Protein backbone atom coordinates (compact mmCIF):
# COMPACT_ATOMS: atom_id res chain seq x y z
CA MET A 1 132.64 144.76 65.79
CA SER A 2 134.48 147.83 64.57
CA ASP A 3 135.33 149.98 61.69
CA ARG A 4 137.78 147.31 60.79
CA SER A 5 135.01 144.86 59.90
CA ALA A 6 133.87 144.31 56.33
CA LEU A 7 131.00 146.28 55.01
CA LEU A 8 128.34 145.02 52.56
CA LEU A 9 126.63 147.87 50.49
CA TYR A 10 123.39 146.91 48.90
CA ASP A 11 120.55 148.54 46.92
CA GLY A 12 118.27 149.64 49.68
CA SER A 13 115.34 150.04 47.21
CA CYS A 14 115.54 146.48 45.91
CA GLY A 15 113.41 143.67 47.42
CA PHE A 16 115.72 141.06 46.05
CA CYS A 17 118.66 142.80 47.62
CA ALA A 18 116.86 143.12 51.00
CA ARG A 19 116.00 139.45 50.95
CA SER A 20 119.73 138.74 50.12
CA VAL A 21 120.73 140.75 53.29
CA GLN A 22 118.18 138.80 55.31
CA PHE A 23 119.65 135.59 53.95
CA VAL A 24 123.10 136.57 55.09
CA LEU A 25 121.74 137.55 58.53
CA ARG A 26 119.97 134.05 58.86
CA HIS A 27 123.00 132.06 57.66
CA GLU A 28 126.07 133.73 59.08
CA SER A 29 128.27 131.90 61.45
CA ARG A 30 128.88 132.90 64.96
CA ARG A 31 131.30 135.63 63.88
CA ARG A 32 128.60 138.22 63.07
CA THR A 33 130.99 140.97 62.25
CA LEU A 34 129.71 142.01 58.86
CA ARG A 35 128.33 145.57 58.62
CA PHE A 36 125.61 146.69 56.22
CA ALA A 37 124.68 149.93 54.66
CA ALA A 38 122.49 150.94 51.65
CA LEU A 39 124.34 152.20 48.54
CA ASP A 40 122.45 155.49 48.77
CA SER A 41 123.39 156.02 52.45
CA ALA A 42 125.98 158.50 53.60
CA ILE A 43 128.61 155.75 53.97
CA GLY A 44 127.58 154.36 50.48
CA PHE A 45 128.38 157.85 48.90
CA GLU A 46 131.71 158.01 50.90
CA VAL A 47 132.82 154.67 49.69
CA ARG A 48 131.89 155.55 46.04
CA ALA A 49 133.68 158.83 46.36
CA ARG A 50 136.87 157.05 47.40
CA HIS A 51 136.45 154.46 44.65
CA PRO A 52 135.33 156.08 41.46
CA GLU A 53 135.76 152.82 39.60
CA ILE A 54 132.48 151.59 41.22
CA GLU A 55 130.41 154.61 40.48
CA GLY A 56 128.06 152.72 38.16
CA VAL A 57 127.45 149.77 40.55
CA ASP A 58 123.90 149.70 41.80
CA SER A 59 123.50 146.28 43.44
CA VAL A 60 126.17 144.89 45.87
CA VAL A 61 129.62 146.03 46.92
CA TRP A 62 131.88 144.26 49.53
CA VAL A 63 134.25 146.65 51.22
CA GLU A 64 137.31 145.41 53.14
CA PRO A 65 138.71 148.10 55.36
CA ALA A 66 142.26 149.29 55.07
CA GLU A 67 144.94 147.47 57.07
CA THR A 68 148.34 148.47 58.19
CA ASN A 69 150.04 147.33 54.92
CA ALA A 70 147.03 147.27 52.60
CA PRO A 71 144.55 149.92 51.36
CA GLU A 72 140.75 149.64 51.46
CA ARG A 73 139.53 147.14 48.87
CA VAL A 74 136.16 146.91 47.14
CA PHE A 75 134.63 143.96 45.31
CA VAL A 76 131.69 143.99 43.03
CA ARG A 77 129.54 141.65 41.04
CA SER A 78 130.43 137.93 41.40
CA ALA A 79 133.65 138.82 43.35
CA ALA A 80 131.43 140.44 46.02
CA VAL A 81 129.04 137.48 46.26
CA LEU A 82 132.12 135.07 46.64
CA ARG A 83 133.19 137.32 49.51
CA VAL A 84 129.78 136.96 51.15
CA LEU A 85 129.78 133.29 50.72
CA ARG A 86 133.26 132.88 52.27
CA TYR A 87 132.09 135.15 55.14
CA LEU A 88 129.14 132.88 55.82
CA GLY A 89 131.42 129.86 56.33
CA GLY A 90 130.53 126.24 56.32
CA VAL A 91 128.97 124.81 53.25
CA TRP A 92 128.74 128.43 51.82
CA HIS A 93 132.45 128.77 52.01
CA ALA A 94 132.89 125.41 50.17
CA LEU A 95 130.36 126.67 47.58
CA ALA A 96 132.50 129.81 47.09
CA GLY A 97 135.53 127.65 46.61
CA LEU A 98 133.80 125.69 43.87
CA ALA A 99 132.37 128.80 42.25
CA ALA A 100 135.84 130.43 42.17
CA ILE A 101 136.92 127.93 39.46
CA VAL A 102 134.22 129.39 37.20
CA PRO A 103 135.93 132.03 34.86
CA ARG A 104 135.27 135.50 36.18
CA SER A 105 133.75 136.67 32.80
CA LEU A 106 131.09 133.85 33.06
CA ALA A 107 130.38 134.39 36.75
CA ASP A 108 130.00 138.15 36.13
CA ALA A 109 127.71 137.48 33.11
CA VAL A 110 125.41 135.37 35.33
CA TYR A 111 125.65 138.06 38.11
CA ASP A 112 124.71 140.73 35.61
CA PHE A 113 121.78 138.70 34.33
CA VAL A 114 120.40 138.36 37.86
CA ALA A 115 121.19 142.02 38.65
CA ARG A 116 119.30 143.27 35.59
CA HIS A 117 116.21 141.24 36.50
CA ARG A 118 116.41 141.59 40.27
CA HIS A 119 113.51 144.03 40.57
CA LYS A 120 111.28 141.70 38.64
CA LEU A 121 112.14 138.81 40.95
CA THR A 122 110.26 140.38 43.88
CA ARG A 123 107.63 142.20 41.85
CA GLY A 124 104.54 142.33 44.03
CA ASN A 125 106.41 141.27 47.10
CA PRO A 126 108.74 144.10 48.06
CA ALA A 127 110.90 143.58 51.10
CA CYS A 128 112.97 145.83 53.29
CA VAL A 129 115.53 145.03 55.80
CA ILE A 130 114.35 145.65 59.39
CA PRO A 131 117.09 144.50 61.71
CA THR A 132 116.42 143.02 65.09
CA PRO A 133 117.53 145.14 68.06
CA GLU A 134 120.77 143.00 68.24
CA GLN A 135 121.53 143.52 64.55
CA ARG A 136 120.82 147.30 64.39
CA SER A 137 124.30 148.26 65.51
CA ARG A 138 125.66 146.51 62.40
CA PHE A 139 123.63 148.71 60.07
CA ILE A 140 125.25 152.00 59.30
CA ASP A 141 122.88 154.86 58.93
CA TRP A 142 119.92 152.66 59.89
CA SER A 143 116.97 154.27 61.60
CA PRO A 144 113.30 153.62 61.47
CA GLU A 145 112.84 156.89 59.61
CA SER A 146 115.35 155.76 56.90
CA VAL A 147 113.32 152.52 56.39
CA ALA A 148 110.04 154.44 56.23
CA SER A 149 111.41 156.84 53.64
CA ARG A 150 112.19 154.04 51.20
């Protein structure tokens, strides 16, 4: 894994988002290249500084690193979810293909509805992401202290 791997930024104070990251970790293919960071981490602030168009996003951002002939790209809302599903591979990739035929405005409306209610979905059952020792290197700015401070 390297800085050339995709990065998933998530709301580190959201139980639903933490469970979503855990879902990705449980269902990813053998590739295991996706990196993770909280939106309020140093790297999260850096990405938002480079992409002012995502300043108001507070749930999930998929970041694809710059390549030789292409700049860094960010995906939000339903587009970010589709990127995650494609990354997972297998049946999830097929589901992303099916979901891609849904008009973006409708997919984003569903995403926005879930995002607005995500804190209620885990009320009383908060979750935090505590990566295994093998997964820790994929979490940027992760430390036991950062988890304890949330």
